[in-house]
Amino acid sequence: MTHRFLADENVGKLAKRLRMIGYDAVSINGLDDNEVVRIALKEGRALLTKDNGIMRRRVVFNGKIKAIFIEADDVKAQLRQVVEALDLKPDSNPFSRCMECNEPLVPRTREEVRELVPPYVFKNHAQYMQCPKCGRIYWRGTHWQRMNNELARLMER
């Protein structure tokens, strides 16, 4: 089963963490509960929320929308809760989605990114991914190493 998520504004950082581990996750800000529920239902997304009101809605209660009430304030604990609740496999496709806009990343050659990355990065890295929507370039630098360590700690469960 492919999991797709919608994080309401109370747990927006959780969406980025889910993207980090390879899941389709959008974050919705500034919409009322009716619109959030409508989007989750229309797009077939599991709803992640800290809003008790959403959890009491009929479409959640009767199972038309899968919803998880997020208990923790810490984003790492939130991610662990979702991973455990749905038995997700965080190591199956990590770092495959754009952290900003959620699009699947596309591999790029060094030559394709030569003019798009700093010279130091170009000199020291061989593997690149690019978001086809926003154009952001990703490589396995120190930020990737920190995220990879965080993923490894999550997998220790």
C-alpha atoms as a PDB file:
ATOM      1  CA  MET A   1       0.000   0.000   0.000  1.00  0.00           C
ATOM      2  CA  THR A   2       1.313   3.405  -0.945  1.00  0.00           C
ATOM      3  CA  HIS A   3       0.914   5.904   1.841  1.00  0.00           C
ATOM      4  CA  ARG A   4       0.150   9.524   1.057  1.00  0.00           C
ATOM      5  CA  PHE A   5      -0.127  12.094   3.821  1.00  0.00           C
ATOM      6  CA  LEU A   6      -1.658  15.464   4.553  1.00  0.00           C
ATOM      7  CA  ALA A   7      -0.265  17.260   7.602  1.00  0.00           C
ATOM      8  CA  ASP A   8      -2.359  20.090   8.945  1.00  0.00           C
ATOM      9  CA  GLU A   9      -0.750  23.332  10.089  1.00  0.00           C
ATOM     10  CA  ASN A  10      -0.207  21.982  13.617  1.00  0.00           C
ATOM     11  CA  VAL A  11       2.260  19.356  12.392  1.00  0.00           C
ATOM     12  CA  GLY A  12       3.711  20.910   9.238  1.00  0.00           C
ATOM     13  CA  LYS A  13       7.320  19.962  10.025  1.00  0.00           C
ATOM     14  CA  LEU A  14       6.234  16.330  10.100  1.00  0.00           C
ATOM     15  CA  ALA A  15       5.474  16.503   6.367  1.00  0.00           C
ATOM     16  CA  LYS A  16       9.118  17.366   5.618  1.00  0.00           C
ATOM     17  CA  ARG A  17      10.325  14.443   7.716  1.00  0.00           C
ATOM     18  CA  LEU A  18       7.985  12.082   5.878  1.00  0.00           C
ATOM     19  CA  ARG A  19       9.363  13.388   2.574  1.00  0.00           C
ATOM     20  CA  MET A  20      12.866  12.752   3.910  1.00  0.00           C
ATOM     21  CA  ILE A  21      12.050   9.071   4.286  1.00  0.00           C
ATOM     22  CA  GLY A  22      10.457   8.944   0.836  1.00  0.00           C
ATOM     23  CA  TYR A  23       6.727   9.398   1.391  1.00  0.00           C
ATOM     24  CA  ASP A  24       4.343  11.714  -0.454  1.00  0.00           C
ATOM     25  CA  ALA A  25       3.447  14.285   2.215  1.00  0.00           C
ATOM     26  CA  VAL A  26       1.882  17.697   1.822  1.00  0.00           C
ATOM     27  CA  SER A  27       1.422  20.343   4.465  1.00  0.00           C
ATOM     28  CA  ILE A  28      -1.669  22.520   4.504  1.00  0.00           C
ATOM     29  CA  ASN A  29      -1.671  25.934   6.187  1.00  0.00           C
ATOM     30  CA  GLY A  30      -4.381  28.529   6.563  1.00  0.00           C
ATOM     31  CA  LEU A  31      -7.373  26.363   5.629  1.00  0.00           C
ATOM     32  CA  ASP A  32     -10.315  25.584   7.853  1.00  0.00           C
ATOM     33  CA  ASP A  33     -10.973  22.046   9.044  1.00  0.00           C
ATOM     34  CA  ASN A  34     -13.687  21.440   6.431  1.00  0.00           C
ATOM     35  CA  GLU A  35     -11.284  22.186   3.593  1.00  0.00           C
ATOM     36  CA  VAL A  36      -8.476  20.092   5.123  1.00  0.00           C
ATOM     37  CA  VAL A  37     -10.813  17.111   5.452  1.00  0.00           C
ATOM     38  CA  ARG A  38     -12.152  17.638   1.909  1.00  0.00           C
ATOM     39  CA  ILE A  39      -8.609  17.607   0.453  1.00  0.00           C
ATOM     40  CA  ALA A  40      -7.610  14.488   2.406  1.00  0.00           C
ATOM     41  CA  LEU A  41     -10.748  12.693   1.196  1.00  0.00           C
ATOM     42  CA  LYS A  42     -10.409  13.832  -2.436  1.00  0.00           C
ATOM     43  CA  GLU A  43      -6.692  12.944  -2.671  1.00  0.00           C
ATOM     44  CA  GLY A  44      -6.835   9.755  -0.600  1.00  0.00           C
ATOM     45  CA  ARG A  45      -4.368  11.042   1.966  1.00  0.00           C
ATOM     46  CA  ALA A  46      -3.975  10.004   5.586  1.00  0.00           C
ATOM     47  CA  LEU A  47      -4.557  13.052   7.748  1.00  0.00           C
ATOM     48  CA  LEU A  48      -1.996  13.911  10.428  1.00  0.00           C
ATOM     49  CA  THR A  49      -3.252  16.348  13.031  1.00  0.00           C
ATOM     50  CA  LYS A  50      -3.173  17.572  16.618  1.00  0.00           C
ATOM     51  CA  ASP A  51      -6.763  18.825  16.219  1.00  0.00           C
ATOM     52  CA  ASN A  52      -9.263  16.870  18.354  1.00  0.00           C
ATOM     53  CA  GLY A  53     -12.125  18.363  16.351  1.00  0.00           C
ATOM     54  CA  ILE A  54     -10.926  16.737  13.145  1.00  0.00           C
ATOM     55  CA  MET A  55     -10.594  13.403  14.926  1.00  0.00           C
ATOM     56  CA  ARG A  56     -14.291  13.553  15.923  1.00  0.00           C
ATOM     57  CA  ARG A  57     -15.513  14.114  12.357  1.00  0.00           C
ATOM     58  CA  ARG A  58     -17.776  11.445  10.909  1.00  0.00           C
ATOM     59  CA  VAL A  59     -15.496  10.750   7.903  1.00  0.00           C
ATOM     60  CA  VAL A  60     -12.662  10.006  10.313  1.00  0.00           C
ATOM     61  CA  PHE A  61     -14.756   8.074  12.789  1.00  0.00           C
ATOM     62  CA  ASN A  62     -16.314   5.849  10.097  1.00  0.00           C
ATOM     63  CA  GLY A  63     -12.942   5.247   8.421  1.00  0.00           C
ATOM     64  CA  LYS A  64     -13.454   7.100   5.132  1.00  0.00           C
ATOM     65  CA  ILE A  65     -10.316   9.056   6.014  1.00  0.00           C
ATOM     66  CA  LYS A  66      -7.403   7.512   7.833  1.00  0.00           C
ATOM     67  CA  ALA A  67      -6.330   9.991  10.484  1.00  0.00           C
ATOM     68  CA  ILE A  68      -3.660   9.886  13.140  1.00  0.00           C
ATOM     69  CA  PHE A  69      -3.842  12.125  16.166  1.00  0.00           C
ATOM     70  CA  ILE A  70      -0.275  13.289  16.696  1.00  0.00           C
ATOM     71  CA  GLU A  71       0.569  13.304  20.374  1.00  0.00           C
ATOM     72  CA  ALA A  72       4.086  14.716  20.664  1.00  0.00           C
ATOM     73  CA  ASP A  73       5.335  18.234  20.053  1.00  0.00           C
ATOM     74  CA  ASP A  74       8.808  17.057  18.996  1.00  0.00           C
ATOM     75  CA  VAL A  75       8.931  16.335  15.258  1.00  0.00           C
ATOM     76  CA  LYS A  76      11.199  13.297  15.697  1.00  0.00           C
ATOM     77  CA  ALA A  77       8.716  11.745  18.132  1.00  0.00           C
ATOM     78  CA  GLN A  78       5.896  12.602  15.714  1.00  0.00           C
ATOM     79  CA  LEU A  79       7.686  10.816  12.896  1.00  0.00           C
ATOM     80  CA  ARG A  80       8.331   7.788  15.077  1.00  0.00           C
ATOM     81  CA  GLN A  81       4.616   7.689  15.997  1.00  0.00           C
ATOM     82  CA  VAL A  82       3.535   7.671  12.328  1.00  0.00           C
ATOM     83  CA  VAL A  83       6.170   5.120  11.316  1.00  0.00           C
ATOM     84  CA  GLU A  84       5.110   2.777  14.125  1.00  0.00           C
ATOM     85  CA  ALA A  85       1.349   3.318  13.706  1.00  0.00           C
ATOM     86  CA  LEU A  86       1.441   2.453  10.001  1.00  0.00           C
ATOM     87  CA  ASP A  87       4.430   0.093  10.073  1.00  0.00           C
ATOM     88  CA  LEU A  88       6.194   2.261   7.510  1.00  0.00           C
ATOM     89  CA  LYS A  89       9.534   1.284   6.061  1.00  0.00           C
ATOM     90  CA  PRO A  90      11.588   4.480   6.371  1.00  0.00           C
ATOM     91  CA  ASP A  91      14.610   2.947   4.733  1.00  0.00           C
ATOM     92  CA  SER A  92      12.890   1.732   1.570  1.00  0.00           C
ATOM     93  CA  ASN A  93      13.154   4.931  -0.497  1.00  0.00           C
ATOM     94  CA  PRO A  94      14.784   7.698   1.556  1.00  0.00           C
ATOM     95  CA  PHE A  95      15.813  11.058   0.094  1.00  0.00           C
ATOM     96  CA  SER A  96      13.778  10.492  -3.064  1.00  0.00           C
ATOM     97  CA  ARG A  97      11.407  13.479  -2.765  1.00  0.00           C
ATOM     98  CA  CYS A  98      11.988  17.213  -2.785  1.00  0.00           C
ATOM     99  CA  MET A  99      12.021  18.473   0.785  1.00  0.00           C
ATOM    100  CA  GLU A 100      10.384  21.719  -0.334  1.00  0.00           C
ATOM    101  CA  CYS A 101       7.683  20.817  -2.837  1.00  0.00           C
ATOM    102  CA  ASN A 102       7.247  17.040  -2.423  1.00  0.00           C
ATOM    103  CA  GLU A 103       7.996  16.096  -6.055  1.00  0.00           C
ATOM    104  CA  PRO A 104       9.905  12.871  -6.783  1.00  0.00           C
ATOM    105  CA  LEU A 105      13.545  13.706  -7.495  1.00  0.00           C
ATOM    106  CA  VAL A 106      15.256  12.946 -10.810  1.00  0.00           C
ATOM    107  CA  PRO A 107      18.912  11.820 -11.049  1.00  0.00           C
ATOM    108  CA  ARG A 108      21.256  14.282 -12.758  1.00  0.00           C
ATOM    109  CA  THR A 109      24.779  13.878 -14.061  1.00  0.00           C
ATOM    110  CA  ARG A 110      27.632  16.042 -12.845  1.00  0.00           C
ATOM    111  CA  GLU A 111      27.719  17.841 -16.177  1.00  0.00           C
ATOM    112  CA  GLU A 112      24.016  18.656 -15.995  1.00  0.00           C
ATOM    113  CA  VAL A 113      24.495  20.446 -12.657  1.00  0.00           C
ATOM    114  CA  ARG A 114      27.936  22.001 -13.268  1.00  0.00           C
ATOM    115  CA  GLU A 115      26.564  25.557 -13.445  1.00  0.00           C
ATOM    116  CA  LEU A 116      23.877  24.953 -10.805  1.00  0.00           C
ATOM    117  CA  VAL A 117      25.999  24.016  -7.778  1.00  0.00           C
ATOM    118  CA  PRO A 118      28.900  25.774  -6.058  1.00  0.00           C
ATOM    119  CA  PRO A 119      32.353  24.853  -7.455  1.00  0.00           C
ATOM    120  CA  TYR A 120      33.365  23.143  -4.185  1.00  0.00           C
ATOM    121  CA  VAL A 121      30.279  20.920  -4.332  1.00  0.00           C
ATOM    122  CA  PHE A 122      30.894  20.097  -7.988  1.00  0.00           C
ATOM    123  CA  LYS A 123      34.502  19.196  -7.252  1.00  0.00           C
ATOM    124  CA  ASN A 124      33.682  16.943  -4.284  1.00  0.00           C
ATOM    125  CA  HIS A 125      30.439  15.183  -5.197  1.00  0.00           C
ATOM    126  CA  ALA A 126      29.488  12.850  -8.016  1.00  0.00           C
ATOM    127  CA  GLN A 127      25.806  12.037  -7.379  1.00  0.00           C
ATOM    128  CA  TYR A 128      23.048  14.607  -7.775  1.00  0.00           C
ATOM    129  CA  MET A 129      19.258  14.674  -7.749  1.00  0.00           C
ATOM    130  CA  GLN A 130      17.026  17.501  -8.934  1.00  0.00           C
ATOM    131  CA  CYS A 131      13.431  18.451  -8.328  1.00  0.00           C
ATOM    132  CA  PRO A 132      11.683  18.754 -11.699  1.00  0.00           C
ATOM    133  CA  LYS A 133       9.212  21.260 -10.222  1.00  0.00           C
ATOM    134  CA  CYS A 134      11.293  23.787  -8.281  1.00  0.00           C
ATOM    135  CA  GLY A 135      14.735  22.965  -9.735  1.00  0.00           C
ATOM    136  CA  ARG A 136      16.401  22.465  -6.350  1.00  0.00           C
ATOM    137  CA  ILE A 137      19.572  20.333  -6.531  1.00  0.00           C
ATOM    138  CA  TYR A 138      20.431  17.729  -3.881  1.00  0.00           C
ATOM    139  CA  TRP A 139      23.731  15.985  -3.183  1.00  0.00           C
ATOM    140  CA  ARG A 140      25.156  13.870  -0.380  1.00  0.00           C
ATOM    141  CA  GLY A 141      26.894  16.543   1.651  1.00  0.00           C
ATOM    142  CA  THR A 142      26.981  17.198   5.395  1.00  0.00           C
ATOM    143  CA  HIS A 143      23.259  17.975   5.591  1.00  0.00           C
ATOM    144  CA  TRP A 144      22.499  14.621   3.947  1.00  0.00           C
ATOM    145  CA  GLN A 145      24.817  12.911   6.443  1.00  0.00           C
ATOM    146  CA  ARG A 146      22.937  14.477   9.384  1.00  0.00           C
ATOM    147  CA  MET A 147      19.584  13.409   7.956  1.00  0.00           C
ATOM    148  CA  ASN A 148      20.918   9.918   7.259  1.00  0.00           C
ATOM    149  CA  ASN A 149      22.074   9.644  10.887  1.00  0.00           C
ATOM    150  CA  GLU A 150      18.629  10.748  12.043  1.00  0.00           C
ATOM    151  CA  LEU A 151      17.062   8.075   9.823  1.00  0.00           C
ATOM    152  CA  ALA A 152      19.416   5.446  11.253  1.00  0.00           C
ATOM    153  CA  ARG A 153      18.358   6.396  14.797  1.00  0.00           C
ATOM    154  CA  LEU A 154      14.711   6.124  13.780  1.00  0.00           C
ATOM    155  CA  MET A 155      15.335   2.646  12.415  1.00  0.00           C
ATOM    156  CA  GLU A 156      16.778   1.511  15.751  1.00  0.00           C
ATOM    157  CA  ARG A 157      13.272   1.565  17.248  1.00  0.00           C
END
